[in-house]
């Protein structure tokens, strides 16, 4: 009896082992098609899941490259975060379907978003019509709320990390830089800018631990390498609102160093056609002090989102697409080609309705191009700022961001 029991147990274990081997996912289970995206150390392909008969997106990270760049932790972190997010059942967060590895690569299998990235929809004068932009941004806000409810901070909110479905649904993606706030722990009673909790060691060099994200969308406290809070995502959301509406990030410059200086100096310039309600929203989010920024609930109640029913939006199965108006089409066409226009051509625009808005935007675009400048003029521009405008009060901030940039390279 006892011997028979042990024999059955051994047979059961060998059966389960064979079953697990049968179910093991391999790259041969997928047919890879075209490259649809790239990252710092990853490539994303459209693929067909032969077993489940569905199209998916596969992120591929080469193990040798990961080791060389010391990025093994980042890809593992993405898998860990996305696995937690799968439990949230959020309709506006990308779903991780599977993950596996072989001797050469690590593979993350995601649901396929068939309409590209949000930034591809952004024209030189933003997304038109405005209500379409509002609709996308409302979905992004829902995604941020969903991940924050799980105590997760994305740390790289921007239009490039927002994917779209053909039905207009938006999904937040790319969680490689994300962090669970429970992991942000320091036992030091005097934690400050030089505390060891804020640094990591890479190839014998001490590097900033919390200096993470895309420069044009990074919050001031992130640039200063302070531990993250949920407020860093709200700053980035404010920058994304600005970009989606007018076509470019709020803090732009020929170098990362100058971008950081403009962040600290609050060098925010709105185009003349920027909607008033959107301006108030952006200003409420781009506060230097994290505690002063608008909360998600306050953003939902802002006038900018007054026509959005967030409860209905969360449960919607079909999403809306709004065609641009004739005025929007005129503005889009003129803004694309404003450098080619001569004075006499611009005067002809007076025949158009609301031509003051169009001409005002054209003038602003020309000034903005001059303000941002080509990349080879940033040094002289910075010297002018320091010596001619006498901004000694901000010099320390710029110096600290310069050291941040050098450490991040």
Foldseek 3Di string as FASTA:
>chain_A
DVVVVVVVVVVVVVVVVVVVVVPDDDPVQKAWDDWQDDDPFWTKTWIARNVVGHIWIKIKGWPVVCVVVVQPVLVVVQVVLLVVLCVLPFPAAKHFDDWDDDPTITMTITHDADPAFQLVCQFQFAHPPPVLLLQQLLSVLSQLVSSVVQQKAQQADARNQWGHHPLGRIHGDDRSLMDRVVPQDDPDPDDDLPDPSQWDADPNDTAGDQLDYDLLQFALCSLSSHDDDSLRVLSSSLQRLLCNRGPDGQQAALDSLSSQLCLLVVVGDHQPPRDPQSVVQSVQSSDNDSVSHDDSVRSCPGPSNPVPDSVCSRPDPGDDDDDHDPVVVVLSVCSVCVVVDDPVRLVVCVVPPPSVSSVSRSVVVVVVPVVRDHNVCVVVVVVCCVPVVVPVVSVVSSVSSVVNVVSVD
